[in-house]
Amino acid sequence: MVQNILTVKDFDRMLSDYAGRQLTHTPIVKTVSNVSGQETLTDGTAVTIKAYFMRTNQRWDFEKAGFFEKGDAVVLAKYASGVVKNDKITVEGNDFRVKEAFNVPGVYDSTGSGTSFVYTACNLFLIE
């Protein structure tokens, strides 16, 4: 069964007409040493993207393993922007690290053949 929930055009219109703002997205490049296996994260080339940004109060969720900290901000970025975990988002001089990134489908096909993603929901932590 195919369900059309939100199209890319609808999301673009929401960013343009209501809530979008310019953010700097810096992809993080991960390299792994062949000798030691140590991971090194370096900043890639920064680009300006339009996304929905919202600061949140610091919250804690209780899980079986204990308390888990929720982020300092939330970003809804276009799926095409390519925001993924560990990337850096800069807003008004504040740098945030993407802790979690979830791709959200706008068209869902239960067979898996027609599912297309519209935006990426990100949980951000302030880099201090």
C-alpha atoms as a PDB file:
ATOM      1  CA  MET A   1       0.000   0.000   0.000  1.00  0.00           C
ATOM      2  CA  VAL A   2       1.358   3.442  -0.942  1.00  0.00           C
ATOM      3  CA  GLN A   3       0.708   6.431   1.312  1.00  0.00           C
ATOM      4  CA  ASN A   4       1.666   9.936   0.192  1.00  0.00           C
ATOM      5  CA  ILE A   5       2.221  11.940   3.368  1.00  0.00           C
ATOM      6  CA  LEU A   6       4.459  14.876   2.425  1.00  0.00           C
ATOM      7  CA  THR A   7       6.212  15.705  -0.825  1.00  0.00           C
ATOM      8  CA  VAL A   8       9.595  17.363  -1.290  1.00  0.00           C
ATOM      9  CA  LYS A   9       7.779  20.319  -2.878  1.00  0.00           C
ATOM     10  CA  ASP A  10       5.542  20.673   0.210  1.00  0.00           C
ATOM     11  CA  PHE A  11       8.584  20.667   2.515  1.00  0.00           C
ATOM     12  CA  ASP A  12      10.381  23.243   0.328  1.00  0.00           C
ATOM     13  CA  ARG A  13       7.304  25.477   0.481  1.00  0.00           C
ATOM     14  CA  MET A  14       7.197  25.204   4.291  1.00  0.00           C
ATOM     15  CA  LEU A  15      10.866  26.233   4.516  1.00  0.00           C
ATOM     16  CA  SER A  16      10.407  29.130   2.089  1.00  0.00           C
ATOM     17  CA  ASP A  17       7.113  30.489   3.406  1.00  0.00           C
ATOM     18  CA  TYR A  18       7.174  29.804   7.125  1.00  0.00           C
ATOM     19  CA  ALA A  19      10.070  28.443   9.099  1.00  0.00           C
ATOM     20  CA  GLY A  20      13.211  28.061   7.013  1.00  0.00           C
ATOM     21  CA  ARG A  21      16.489  29.772   7.850  1.00  0.00           C
ATOM     22  CA  GLN A  22      20.039  29.716   6.533  1.00  0.00           C
ATOM     23  CA  LEU A  23      22.410  27.371   8.399  1.00  0.00           C
ATOM     24  CA  THR A  24      25.973  26.291   7.740  1.00  0.00           C
ATOM     25  CA  HIS A  25      26.379  22.549   7.300  1.00  0.00           C
ATOM     26  CA  THR A  26      29.903  21.165   7.593  1.00  0.00           C
ATOM     27  CA  PRO A  27      30.144  17.490   6.685  1.00  0.00           C
ATOM     28  CA  ILE A  28      32.590  15.517   8.788  1.00  0.00           C
ATOM     29  CA  VAL A  29      35.103  13.274   7.032  1.00  0.00           C
ATOM     30  CA  LYS A  30      36.124  10.174   8.985  1.00  0.00           C
ATOM     31  CA  THR A  31      39.460   8.523   8.282  1.00  0.00           C
ATOM     32  CA  VAL A  32      40.753   5.365   9.929  1.00  0.00           C
ATOM     33  CA  SER A  33      44.456   4.661  10.395  1.00  0.00           C
ATOM     34  CA  ASN A  34      45.610   1.461   8.701  1.00  0.00           C
ATOM     35  CA  VAL A  35      48.203   0.966  11.444  1.00  0.00           C
ATOM     36  CA  SER A  36      46.411   1.738  14.707  1.00  0.00           C
ATOM     37  CA  GLY A  37      42.745   1.685  13.630  1.00  0.00           C
ATOM     38  CA  GLN A  38      42.252   5.075  15.284  1.00  0.00           C
ATOM     39  CA  GLU A  39      39.463   7.199  13.798  1.00  0.00           C
ATOM     40  CA  THR A  40      40.120  10.844  12.954  1.00  0.00           C
ATOM     41  CA  LEU A  41      37.276  13.295  12.278  1.00  0.00           C
ATOM     42  CA  THR A  42      38.047  16.362  10.153  1.00  0.00           C
ATOM     43  CA  ASP A  43      35.818  19.123   8.816  1.00  0.00           C
ATOM     44  CA  GLY A  44      34.827  18.920   5.167  1.00  0.00           C
ATOM     45  CA  THR A  45      33.761  21.852   2.993  1.00  0.00           C
ATOM     46  CA  ALA A  46      31.052  23.962   4.628  1.00  0.00           C
ATOM     47  CA  VAL A  47      27.903  24.752   2.642  1.00  0.00           C
ATOM     48  CA  THR A  48      24.860  26.910   3.367  1.00  0.00           C
ATOM     49  CA  ILE A  49      21.562  25.052   3.575  1.00  0.00           C
ATOM     50  CA  LYS A  50      18.006  26.103   4.328  1.00  0.00           C
ATOM     51  CA  ALA A  51      16.428  24.179   7.187  1.00  0.00           C
ATOM     52  CA  TYR A  52      14.086  24.437  10.161  1.00  0.00           C
ATOM     53  CA  PHE A  53      16.009  25.042  13.424  1.00  0.00           C
ATOM     54  CA  MET A  54      14.624  25.026  16.968  1.00  0.00           C
ATOM     55  CA  ARG A  55      16.431  25.299  20.315  1.00  0.00           C
ATOM     56  CA  THR A  56      15.106  22.935  22.968  1.00  0.00           C
ATOM     57  CA  ASN A  57      15.377  22.679  26.724  1.00  0.00           C
ATOM     58  CA  GLN A  58      17.782  20.049  27.929  1.00  0.00           C
ATOM     59  CA  ARG A  59      15.783  16.923  28.707  1.00  0.00           C
ATOM     60  CA  TRP A  60      16.513  13.470  29.943  1.00  0.00           C
ATOM     61  CA  ASP A  61      14.616  10.338  28.906  1.00  0.00           C
ATOM     62  CA  PHE A  62      14.559   7.340  31.184  1.00  0.00           C
ATOM     63  CA  GLU A  63      15.399   4.067  29.479  1.00  0.00           C
ATOM     64  CA  LYS A  64      16.144   0.652  30.974  1.00  0.00           C
ATOM     65  CA  ALA A  65      19.870   1.353  30.750  1.00  0.00           C
ATOM     66  CA  GLY A  66      19.504   4.627  32.665  1.00  0.00           C
ATOM     67  CA  PHE A  67      18.990   8.273  31.764  1.00  0.00           C
ATOM     68  CA  PHE A  68      19.693   9.439  28.213  1.00  0.00           C
ATOM     69  CA  GLU A  69      20.307  13.096  27.443  1.00  0.00           C
ATOM     70  CA  LYS A  70      18.265  14.693  24.679  1.00  0.00           C
ATOM     71  CA  GLY A  71      19.789  17.403  22.520  1.00  0.00           C
ATOM     72  CA  ASP A  72      20.116  21.180  22.739  1.00  0.00           C
ATOM     73  CA  ALA A  73      18.407  21.759  19.380  1.00  0.00           C
ATOM     74  CA  VAL A  74      16.474  20.105  16.585  1.00  0.00           C
ATOM     75  CA  VAL A  75      16.982  20.585  12.838  1.00  0.00           C
ATOM     76  CA  LEU A  76      14.732  19.456  10.011  1.00  0.00           C
ATOM     77  CA  ALA A  77      16.903  19.568   6.895  1.00  0.00           C
ATOM     78  CA  LYS A  78      16.116  18.573   3.329  1.00  0.00           C
ATOM     79  CA  TYR A  79      17.061  14.953   2.693  1.00  0.00           C
ATOM     80  CA  ALA A  80      19.019  16.133  -0.349  1.00  0.00           C
ATOM     81  CA  SER A  81      21.255  18.256   1.940  1.00  0.00           C
ATOM     82  CA  GLY A  82      22.918  15.051   3.145  1.00  0.00           C
ATOM     83  CA  VAL A  83      23.064  15.831   6.877  1.00  0.00           C
ATOM     84  CA  VAL A  84      24.232  12.732   8.781  1.00  0.00           C
ATOM     85  CA  LYS A  85      25.443  11.764  12.271  1.00  0.00           C
ATOM     86  CA  ASN A  86      28.564  13.631  13.542  1.00  0.00           C
ATOM     87  CA  ASP A  87      28.186  16.507  11.033  1.00  0.00           C
ATOM     88  CA  LYS A  88      28.489  20.079  12.303  1.00  0.00           C
ATOM     89  CA  ILE A  89      25.693  22.672  12.029  1.00  0.00           C
ATOM     90  CA  THR A  90      26.490  26.339  12.705  1.00  0.00           C
ATOM     91  CA  VAL A  91      23.713  28.763  13.640  1.00  0.00           C
ATOM     92  CA  GLU A  92      24.366  32.387  14.643  1.00  0.00           C
ATOM     93  CA  GLY A  93      27.948  31.569  15.651  1.00  0.00           C
ATOM     94  CA  ASN A  94      27.019  28.494  17.714  1.00  0.00           C
ATOM     95  CA  ASP A  95      28.353  25.116  16.591  1.00  0.00           C
ATOM     96  CA  PHE A  96      26.252  21.994  17.084  1.00  0.00           C
ATOM     97  CA  ARG A  97      27.154  18.337  16.525  1.00  0.00           C
ATOM     98  CA  VAL A  98      24.539  16.030  14.980  1.00  0.00           C
ATOM     99  CA  LYS A  99      24.036  13.266  17.539  1.00  0.00           C
ATOM    100  CA  GLU A 100      21.204  11.456  15.747  1.00  0.00           C
ATOM    101  CA  ALA A 101      19.830  11.791  12.224  1.00  0.00           C
ATOM    102  CA  PHE A 102      16.618  10.113  11.076  1.00  0.00           C
ATOM    103  CA  ASN A 103      15.505  10.147   7.439  1.00  0.00           C
ATOM    104  CA  VAL A 104      11.747  10.773   7.214  1.00  0.00           C
ATOM    105  CA  PRO A 105       9.792   9.422   4.228  1.00  0.00           C
ATOM    106  CA  GLY A 106       7.174  11.506   2.473  1.00  0.00           C
ATOM    107  CA  VAL A 107       5.922   8.613   0.393  1.00  0.00           C
ATOM    108  CA  TYR A 108       5.767   5.270   2.111  1.00  0.00           C
ATOM    109  CA  ASP A 109       5.362   2.031   0.199  1.00  0.00           C
ATOM    110  CA  SER A 110       4.940  -1.036   2.397  1.00  0.00           C
ATOM    111  CA  THR A 111       6.663  -3.155  -0.263  1.00  0.00           C
ATOM    112  CA  GLY A 112       9.754  -0.927   0.043  1.00  0.00           C
ATOM    113  CA  SER A 113      10.021  -0.176  -3.669  1.00  0.00           C
ATOM    114  CA  GLY A 114       8.505   3.313  -3.719  1.00  0.00           C
ATOM    115  CA  THR A 115       9.617   4.823  -0.412  1.00  0.00           C
ATOM    116  CA  SER A 116      11.202   8.253  -0.866  1.00  0.00           C
ATOM    117  CA  PHE A 117      12.680  10.472   1.821  1.00  0.00           C
ATOM    118  CA  VAL A 118      11.749  14.151   2.190  1.00  0.00           C
ATOM    119  CA  TYR A 119      13.745  15.436   5.155  1.00  0.00           C
ATOM    120  CA  THR A 120      16.195  14.448   7.857  1.00  0.00           C
ATOM    121  CA  ALA A 121      15.291  15.071  11.512  1.00  0.00           C
ATOM    122  CA  CYS A 122      18.436  15.752  13.577  1.00  0.00           C
ATOM    123  CA  ASN A 123      19.081  15.867  17.313  1.00  0.00           C
ATOM    124  CA  LEU A 124      21.896  18.382  17.969  1.00  0.00           C
ATOM    125  CA  PHE A 125      24.261  18.984  20.868  1.00  0.00           C
ATOM    126  CA  LEU A 126      26.011  22.308  21.416  1.00  0.00           C
ATOM    127  CA  ILE A 127      29.780  22.061  20.994  1.00  0.00           C
ATOM    128  CA  GLU A 128      31.398  23.874  23.918  1.00  0.00           C
END
